[in-house]
Amino acid sequence: MSNLMTPSMTPLAQELYEKLMAALPGATVVVNDPDGAHLSAEVAAPQFAGLGRLAQHKLVYAALGDAMRERVHALQLTTRPC
């Protein structure tokens, strides 16, 4: 997995990517937004070391903040330590 920010990335996907990269230094992040409402994200971060999946997801949701509550309809999330 590598960091991907492509010209075809939607503004929402780009916003999520930037929030995750800022909140999780050293992370590898891939965000996909195929239809503008149902996103997926893969995040591998050193901050996840020793944490269970739920704690990892809580860190991601905290990083996404208002975007998660207000603009994201659905997010398929895959996390792992790196």
PDB file of N, CA and C in Angstrom:
ATOM      1  N   MET A   1       0.855  -1.156   0.000  1.00  0.00           N
ATOM      2  CA  MET A   1       0.000   0.000   0.000  1.00  0.00           C
ATOM      3  C   MET A   1       0.908   1.228   0.000  1.00  0.00           C
ATOM      4  N   SER A   2       0.574   2.208  -0.811  1.00  0.00           N
ATOM      5  CA  SER A   2       1.332   3.449  -0.845  1.00  0.00           C
ATOM      6  C   SER A   2       0.367   4.622  -0.763  1.00  0.00           C
ATOM      7  N   ASN A   3       0.917   5.788  -0.489  1.00  0.00           N
ATOM      8  CA  ASN A   3       0.075   6.976  -0.444  1.00  0.00           C
ATOM      9  C   ASN A   3      -0.353   7.326  -1.851  1.00  0.00           C
ATOM     10  N   LEU A   4      -1.650   7.459  -2.065  1.00  0.00           N
ATOM     11  CA  LEU A   4      -2.171   7.774  -3.379  1.00  0.00           C
ATOM     12  C   LEU A   4      -3.053   9.001  -3.302  1.00  0.00           C
ATOM     13  N   MET A   5      -2.698  10.008  -4.049  1.00  0.00           N
ATOM     14  CA  MET A   5      -3.554  11.167  -4.215  1.00  0.00           C
ATOM     15  C   MET A   5      -3.521  11.452  -5.712  1.00  0.00           C
ATOM     16  N   THR A   6      -4.555  11.052  -6.403  1.00  0.00           N
ATOM     17  CA  THR A   6      -4.562  11.132  -7.852  1.00  0.00           C
ATOM     18  C   THR A   6      -5.396  12.307  -8.324  1.00  0.00           C
ATOM     19  N   PRO A   7      -5.160  12.776  -9.567  1.00  0.00           N
ATOM     20  CA  PRO A   7      -5.951  13.885 -10.087  1.00  0.00           C
ATOM     21  C   PRO A   7      -7.447  13.590 -10.108  1.00  0.00           C
ATOM     22  N   SER A   8      -7.827  12.316 -10.175  1.00  0.00           N
ATOM     23  CA  SER A   8      -9.240  11.967 -10.221  1.00  0.00           C
ATOM     24  C   SER A   8      -9.866  11.855  -8.831  1.00  0.00           C
ATOM     25  N   MET A   9      -9.088  12.099  -7.790  1.00  0.00           N
ATOM     26  CA  MET A   9      -9.607  12.010  -6.433  1.00  0.00           C
ATOM     27  C   MET A   9     -10.647  13.108  -6.225  1.00  0.00           C
ATOM     28  N   THR A  10     -11.793  12.739  -5.671  1.00  0.00           N
ATOM     29  CA  THR A  10     -12.837  13.729  -5.412  1.00  0.00           C
ATOM     30  C   THR A  10     -12.375  14.680  -4.312  1.00  0.00           C
ATOM     31  N   PRO A  11     -12.978  15.858  -4.236  1.00  0.00           N
ATOM     32  CA  PRO A  11     -12.605  16.784  -3.163  1.00  0.00           C
ATOM     33  C   PRO A  11     -12.783  16.175  -1.766  1.00  0.00           C
ATOM     34  N   LEU A  12     -13.835  15.392  -1.560  1.00  0.00           N
ATOM     35  CA  LEU A  12     -14.048  14.771  -0.257  1.00  0.00           C
ATOM     36  C   LEU A  12     -12.955  13.752   0.039  1.00  0.00           C
ATOM     37  N   ALA A  13     -12.618  12.911  -0.930  1.00  0.00           N
ATOM     38  CA  ALA A  13     -11.560  11.922  -0.730  1.00  0.00           C
ATOM     39  C   ALA A  13     -10.234  12.614  -0.447  1.00  0.00           C
ATOM     40  N   GLN A  14      -9.950  13.689  -1.147  1.00  0.00           N
ATOM     41  CA  GLN A  14      -8.718  14.435  -0.918  1.00  0.00           C
ATOM     42  C   GLN A  14      -8.707  15.039   0.490  1.00  0.00           C
ATOM     43  N   GLU A  15      -9.849  15.557   0.929  1.00  0.00           N
ATOM     44  CA  GLU A  15      -9.945  16.108   2.285  1.00  0.00           C
ATOM     45  C   GLU A  15      -9.656  15.043   3.336  1.00  0.00           C
ATOM     46  N   LEU A  16     -10.249  13.859   3.169  1.00  0.00           N
ATOM     47  CA  LEU A  16     -10.018  12.777   4.129  1.00  0.00           C
ATOM     48  C   LEU A  16      -8.555  12.361   4.127  1.00  0.00           C
ATOM     49  N   TYR A  17      -7.977  12.230   2.926  1.00  0.00           N
ATOM     50  CA  TYR A  17      -6.567  11.874   2.790  1.00  0.00           C
ATOM     51  C   TYR A  17      -5.695  12.871   3.560  1.00  0.00           C
ATOM     52  N   GLU A  18      -5.924  14.151   3.346  1.00  0.00           N
ATOM     53  CA  GLU A  18      -5.113  15.183   3.985  1.00  0.00           C
ATOM     54  C   GLU A  18      -5.281  15.182   5.500  1.00  0.00           C
ATOM     55  N   LYS A  19      -6.492  14.981   5.983  1.00  0.00           N
ATOM     56  CA  LYS A  19      -6.738  14.916   7.428  1.00  0.00           C
ATOM     57  C   LYS A  19      -6.002  13.731   8.050  1.00  0.00           C
ATOM     58  N   LEU A  20      -6.061  12.579   7.383  1.00  0.00           N
ATOM     59  CA  LEU A  20      -5.398  11.388   7.911  1.00  0.00           C
ATOM     60  C   LEU A  20      -3.883  11.547   7.906  1.00  0.00           C
ATOM     61  N   MET A  21      -3.343  12.106   6.837  1.00  0.00           N
ATOM     62  CA  MET A  21      -1.894  12.292   6.758  1.00  0.00           C
ATOM     63  C   MET A  21      -1.411  13.276   7.833  1.00  0.00           C
ATOM     64  N   ALA A  22      -2.203  14.309   8.105  1.00  0.00           N
ATOM     65  CA  ALA A  22      -1.821  15.297   9.118  1.00  0.00           C
ATOM     66  C   ALA A  22      -1.899  14.713  10.529  1.00  0.00           C
ATOM     67  N   ALA A  23      -2.899  13.899  10.783  1.00  0.00           N
ATOM     68  CA  ALA A  23      -3.126  13.374  12.135  1.00  0.00           C
ATOM     69  C   ALA A  23      -2.266  12.158  12.459  1.00  0.00           C
ATOM     70  N   LEU A  24      -1.825  11.445  11.421  1.00  0.00           N
ATOM     71  CA  LEU A  24      -1.079  10.201  11.632  1.00  0.00           C
ATOM     72  C   LEU A  24       0.253  10.259  10.884  1.00  0.00           C
ATOM     73  N   PRO A  25       1.215  11.022  11.389  1.00  0.00           N
ATOM     74  CA  PRO A  25       2.513  11.137  10.704  1.00  0.00           C
ATOM     75  C   PRO A  25       3.147   9.768  10.488  1.00  0.00           C
ATOM     76  N   GLY A  26       3.683   9.567   9.314  1.00  0.00           N
ATOM     77  CA  GLY A  26       4.320   8.292   8.980  1.00  0.00           C
ATOM     78  C   GLY A  26       3.360   7.257   8.431  1.00  0.00           C
ATOM     79  N   ALA A  27       2.084   7.602   8.344  1.00  0.00           N
ATOM     80  CA  ALA A  27       1.072   6.656   7.865  1.00  0.00           C
ATOM     81  C   ALA A  27       1.148   6.502   6.352  1.00  0.00           C
ATOM     82  N   THR A  28       0.640   5.384   5.904  1.00  0.00           N
ATOM     83  CA  THR A  28       0.396   5.139   4.492  1.00  0.00           C
ATOM     84  C   THR A  28      -1.111   5.121   4.333  1.00  0.00           C
ATOM     85  N   VAL A  29      -1.628   5.945   3.427  1.00  0.00           N
ATOM     86  CA  VAL A  29      -3.073   6.139   3.313  1.00  0.00           C
ATOM     87  C   VAL A  29      -3.506   6.029   1.861  1.00  0.00           C
ATOM     88  N   VAL A  30      -4.583   5.291   1.626  1.00  0.00           N
ATOM     89  CA  VAL A  30      -5.229   5.213   0.320  1.00  0.00           C
ATOM     90  C   VAL A  30      -6.713   5.467   0.554  1.00  0.00           C
ATOM     91  N   VAL A  31      -7.272   6.444  -0.160  1.00  0.00           N
ATOM     92  CA  VAL A  31      -8.701   6.761  -0.043  1.00  0.00           C
ATOM     93  C   VAL A  31      -9.335   6.640  -1.418  1.00  0.00           C
ATOM     94  N   ASN A  32     -10.428   5.911  -1.494  1.00  0.00           N
ATOM     95  CA  ASN A  32     -11.181   5.756  -2.740  1.00  0.00           C
ATOM     96  C   ASN A  32     -12.600   6.278  -2.538  1.00  0.00           C
ATOM     97  N   ASP A  33     -13.116   6.934  -3.564  1.00  0.00           N
ATOM     98  CA  ASP A  33     -14.469   7.490  -3.523  1.00  0.00           C
ATOM     99  C   ASP A  33     -15.113   7.242  -4.885  1.00  0.00           C
ATOM    100  N   PRO A  34     -15.622   6.034  -5.113  1.00  0.00           N
ATOM    101  CA  PRO A  34     -16.125   5.695  -6.447  1.00  0.00           C
ATOM    102  C   PRO A  34     -17.405   6.419  -6.862  1.00  0.00           C
ATOM    103  N   ASP A  35     -18.220   6.852  -5.870  1.00  0.00           N
ATOM    104  CA  ASP A  35     -19.508   7.431  -6.262  1.00  0.00           C
ATOM    105  C   ASP A  35     -19.874   8.705  -5.504  1.00  0.00           C
ATOM    106  N   GLY A  36     -18.952   9.265  -4.749  1.00  0.00           N
ATOM    107  CA  GLY A  36     -19.232  10.498  -4.031  1.00  0.00           C
ATOM    108  C   GLY A  36     -19.941  10.322  -2.710  1.00  0.00           C
ATOM    109  N   ALA A  37     -20.255   9.107  -2.333  1.00  0.00           N
ATOM    110  CA  ALA A  37     -20.969   8.885  -1.076  1.00  0.00           C
ATOM    111  C   ALA A  37     -20.435   7.705  -0.275  1.00  0.00           C
ATOM    112  N   HIS A  38     -19.907   6.706  -0.944  1.00  0.00           N
ATOM    113  CA  HIS A  38     -19.465   5.478  -0.284  1.00  0.00           C
ATOM    114  C   HIS A  38     -17.953   5.364  -0.457  1.00  0.00           C
ATOM    115  N   LEU A  39     -17.228   5.788   0.560  1.00  0.00           N
ATOM    116  CA  LEU A  39     -15.774   5.824   0.481  1.00  0.00           C
ATOM    117  C   LEU A  39     -15.155   4.592   1.112  1.00  0.00           C
ATOM    118  N   SER A  40     -13.906   4.343   0.739  1.00  0.00           N
ATOM    119  CA  SER A  40     -13.111   3.331   1.420  1.00  0.00           C
ATOM    120  C   SER A  40     -11.749   3.935   1.708  1.00  0.00           C
ATOM    121  N   ALA A  41     -11.165   3.509   2.813  1.00  0.00           N
ATOM    122  CA  ALA A  41      -9.838   3.979   3.181  1.00  0.00           C
ATOM    123  C   ALA A  41      -9.036   2.819   3.746  1.00  0.00           C
ATOM    124  N   GLU A  42      -7.775   2.766   3.342  1.00  0.00           N
ATOM    125  CA  GLU A  42      -6.815   1.835   3.915  1.00  0.00           C
ATOM    126  C   GLU A  42      -5.758   2.685   4.594  1.00  0.00           C
ATOM    127  N   VAL A  43      -5.535   2.426   5.876  1.00  0.00           N
ATOM    128  CA  VAL A  43      -4.592   3.221   6.649  1.00  0.00           C
ATOM    129  C   VAL A  43      -3.663   2.281   7.410  1.00  0.00           C
ATOM    130  N   ALA A  44      -2.368   2.416   7.161  1.00  0.00           N
ATOM    131  CA  ALA A  44      -1.349   1.716   7.935  1.00  0.00           C
ATOM    132  C   ALA A  44      -0.545   2.799   8.648  1.00  0.00           C
ATOM    133  N   ALA A  45      -0.514   2.738   9.978  1.00  0.00           N
ATOM    134  CA  ALA A  45       0.120   3.811  10.735  1.00  0.00           C
ATOM    135  C   ALA A  45       0.917   3.249  11.912  1.00  0.00           C
ATOM    136  N   PRO A  46       2.065   3.850  12.193  1.00  0.00           N
ATOM    137  CA  PRO A  46       2.835   3.406  13.359  1.00  0.00           C
ATOM    138  C   PRO A  46       2.083   3.642  14.669  1.00  0.00           C
ATOM    139  N   GLN A  47       1.180   4.607  14.686  1.00  0.00           N
ATOM    140  CA  GLN A  47       0.391   4.890  15.889  1.00  0.00           C
ATOM    141  C   GLN A  47      -0.537   3.738  16.258  1.00  0.00           C
ATOM    142  N   PHE A  48      -0.774   2.820  15.340  1.00  0.00           N
ATOM    143  CA  PHE A  48      -1.669   1.690  15.592  1.00  0.00           C
ATOM    144  C   PHE A  48      -0.976   0.530  16.305  1.00  0.00           C
ATOM    145  N   ALA A  49       0.335   0.591  16.445  1.00  0.00           N
ATOM    146  CA  ALA A  49       1.074  -0.518  17.067  1.00  0.00           C
ATOM    147  C   ALA A  49       0.528  -0.803  18.457  1.00  0.00           C
ATOM    148  N   GLY A  50       0.224  -2.061  18.704  1.00  0.00           N
ATOM    149  CA  GLY A  50      -0.268  -2.486  20.006  1.00  0.00           C
ATOM    150  C   GLY A  50      -1.739  -2.213  20.261  1.00  0.00           C
ATOM    151  N   LEU A  51      -2.426  -1.605  19.300  1.00  0.00           N
ATOM    152  CA  LEU A  51      -3.847  -1.302  19.461  1.00  0.00           C
ATOM    153  C   LEU A  51      -4.711  -2.328  18.741  1.00  0.00           C
ATOM    154  N   GLY A  52      -5.876  -2.602  19.287  1.00  0.00           N
ATOM    155  CA  GLY A  52      -6.853  -3.448  18.620  1.00  0.00           C
ATOM    156  C   GLY A  52      -7.526  -2.672  17.493  1.00  0.00           C
ATOM    157  N   ARG A  53      -8.280  -3.376  16.692  1.00  0.00           N
ATOM    158  CA  ARG A  53      -8.935  -2.758  15.540  1.00  0.00           C
ATOM    159  C   ARG A  53      -9.867  -1.612  15.941  1.00  0.00           C
ATOM    160  N   LEU A  54     -10.634  -1.787  17.008  1.00  0.00           N
ATOM    161  CA  LEU A  54     -11.551  -0.738  17.437  1.00  0.00           C
ATOM    162  C   LEU A  54     -10.798   0.538  17.814  1.00  0.00           C
ATOM    163  N   ALA A  55      -9.717   0.409  18.545  1.00  0.00           N
ATOM    164  CA  ALA A  55      -8.919   1.577  18.928  1.00  0.00           C
ATOM    165  C   ALA A  55      -8.296   2.239  17.698  1.00  0.00           C
ATOM    166  N   GLN A  56      -7.858   1.435  16.733  1.00  0.00           N
ATOM    167  CA  GLN A  56      -7.320   1.983  15.490  1.00  0.00           C
ATOM    168  C   GLN A  56      -8.382   2.799  14.761  1.00  0.00           C
ATOM    169  N   HIS A  57      -9.576   2.241  14.660  1.00  0.00           N
ATOM    170  CA  HIS A  57     -10.676   2.932  13.978  1.00  0.00           C
ATOM    171  C   HIS A  57     -11.059   4.218  14.708  1.00  0.00           C
ATOM    172  N   LYS A  58     -11.017   4.204  16.031  1.00  0.00           N
ATOM    173  CA  LYS A  58     -11.325   5.418  16.790  1.00  0.00           C
ATOM    174  C   LYS A  58     -10.325   6.523  16.478  1.00  0.00           C
ATOM    175  N   LEU A  59      -9.054   6.171  16.312  1.00  0.00           N
ATOM    176  CA  LEU A  59      -8.054   7.176  15.939  1.00  0.00           C
ATOM    177  C   LEU A  59      -8.354   7.765  14.567  1.00  0.00           C
ATOM    178  N   VAL A  60      -8.767   6.912  13.633  1.00  0.00           N
ATOM    179  CA  VAL A  60      -9.106   7.395  12.289  1.00  0.00           C
ATOM    180  C   VAL A  60     -10.324   8.315  12.358  1.00  0.00           C
ATOM    181  N   TYR A  61     -11.368   7.901  13.057  1.00  0.00           N
ATOM    182  CA  TYR A  61     -12.576   8.724  13.148  1.00  0.00           C
ATOM    183  C   TYR A  61     -12.280  10.061  13.824  1.00  0.00           C
ATOM    184  N   ALA A  62     -11.425  10.053  14.841  1.00  0.00           N
ATOM    185  CA  ALA A  62     -11.046  11.302  15.502  1.00  0.00           C
ATOM    186  C   ALA A  62     -10.310  12.213  14.526  1.00  0.00           C
ATOM    187  N   ALA A  63      -9.461  11.637  13.686  1.00  0.00           N
ATOM    188  CA  ALA A  63      -8.723  12.430  12.699  1.00  0.00           C
ATOM    189  C   ALA A  63      -9.662  13.038  11.663  1.00  0.00           C
ATOM    190  N   LEU A  64     -10.701  12.313  11.309  1.00  0.00           N
ATOM    191  CA  LEU A  64     -11.632  12.801  10.286  1.00  0.00           C
ATOM    192  C   LEU A  64     -12.609  13.829  10.843  1.00  0.00           C
ATOM    193  N   GLY A  65     -12.848  13.795  12.133  1.00  0.00           N
ATOM    194  CA  GLY A  65     -13.646  14.812  12.800  1.00  0.00           C
ATOM    195  C   GLY A  65     -14.984  15.089  12.139  1.00  0.00           C
ATOM    196  N   ASP A  66     -15.255  16.375  11.876  1.00  0.00           N
ATOM    197  CA  ASP A  66     -16.538  16.806  11.325  1.00  0.00           C
ATOM    198  C   ASP A  66     -16.840  16.184   9.970  1.00  0.00           C
ATOM    199  N   ALA A  67     -15.816  15.915   9.180  1.00  0.00           N
ATOM    200  CA  ALA A  67     -16.056  15.321   7.858  1.00  0.00           C
ATOM    201  C   ALA A  67     -16.785  13.989   8.005  1.00  0.00           C
ATOM    202  N   MET A  68     -16.420  13.220   9.007  1.00  0.00           N
ATOM    203  CA  MET A  68     -17.052  11.921   9.217  1.00  0.00           C
ATOM    204  C   MET A  68     -18.503  12.094   9.642  1.00  0.00           C
ATOM    205  N   ARG A  69     -18.769  13.072  10.475  1.00  0.00           N
ATOM    206  CA  ARG A  69     -20.123  13.276  10.988  1.00  0.00           C
ATOM    207  C   ARG A  69     -21.039  13.964   9.983  1.00  0.00           C
ATOM    208  N   GLU A  70     -20.488  14.823   9.138  1.00  0.00           N
ATOM    209  CA  GLU A  70     -21.325  15.684   8.313  1.00  0.00           C
ATOM    210  C   GLU A  70     -21.354  15.349   6.819  1.00  0.00           C
ATOM    211  N   ARG A  71     -20.265  14.798   6.279  1.00  0.00           N
ATOM    212  CA  ARG A  71     -20.210  14.649   4.821  1.00  0.00           C
ATOM    213  C   ARG A  71     -20.008  13.227   4.315  1.00  0.00           C
ATOM    214  N   VAL A  72     -19.641  12.311   5.175  1.00  0.00           N
ATOM    215  CA  VAL A  72     -19.392  10.941   4.737  1.00  0.00           C
ATOM    216  C   VAL A  72     -20.615  10.091   5.031  1.00  0.00           C
ATOM    217  N   HIS A  73     -21.183   9.513   3.983  1.00  0.00           N
ATOM    218  CA  HIS A  73     -22.352   8.648   4.153  1.00  0.00           C
ATOM    219  C   HIS A  73     -21.922   7.272   4.647  1.00  0.00           C
ATOM    220  N   ALA A  74     -20.875   6.729   4.043  1.00  0.00           N
ATOM    221  CA  ALA A  74     -20.389   5.408   4.417  1.00  0.00           C
ATOM    222  C   ALA A  74     -18.885   5.351   4.188  1.00  0.00           C
ATOM    223  N   LEU A  75     -18.175   4.682   5.115  1.00  0.00           N
ATOM    224  CA  LEU A  75     -16.729   4.518   4.997  1.00  0.00           C
ATOM    225  C   LEU A  75     -16.366   3.091   5.323  1.00  0.00           C
ATOM    226  N   GLN A  76     -15.832   2.409   4.330  1.00  0.00           N
ATOM    227  CA  GLN A  76     -15.271   1.068   4.556  1.00  0.00           C
ATOM    228  C   GLN A  76     -13.825   1.283   4.962  1.00  0.00           C
ATOM    229  N   LEU A  77     -13.461   0.858   6.164  1.00  0.00           N
ATOM    230  CA  LEU A  77     -12.163   1.189   6.736  1.00  0.00           C
ATOM    231  C   LEU A  77     -11.351  -0.062   6.998  1.00  0.00           C
ATOM    232  N   THR A  78     -10.110  -0.044   6.518  1.00  0.00           N
ATOM    233  CA  THR A  78      -9.145  -1.102   6.793  1.00  0.00           C
ATOM    234  C   THR A  78      -7.940  -0.449   7.448  1.00  0.00           C
ATOM    235  N   THR A  79      -7.553  -0.935   8.630  1.00  0.00           N
ATOM    236  CA  THR A  79      -6.421  -0.373   9.339  1.00  0.00           C
ATOM    237  C   THR A  79      -5.455  -1.467   9.743  1.00  0.00           C
ATOM    238  N   ARG A  80      -4.190  -1.054   9.902  1.00  0.00           N
ATOM    239  CA  ARG A  80      -3.169  -1.980  10.414  1.00  0.00           C
ATOM    240  C   ARG A  80      -1.959  -1.167  10.836  1.00  0.00           C
ATOM    241  N   PRO A  81      -1.193  -1.683  11.773  1.00  0.00           N
ATOM    242  CA  PRO A  81       0.051  -0.993  12.143  1.00  0.00           C
ATOM    243  C   PRO A  81       1.084  -1.165  11.033  1.00  0.00           C
ATOM    244  N   CYS A  82       2.010  -0.254  10.967  1.00  0.00           N
ATOM    245  CA  CYS A  82       3.121  -0.432  10.011  1.00  0.00           C
ATOM    246  C   CYS A  82       4.438  -0.358  10.733  1.00  0.00           C
TER     247      CYS A  82
END
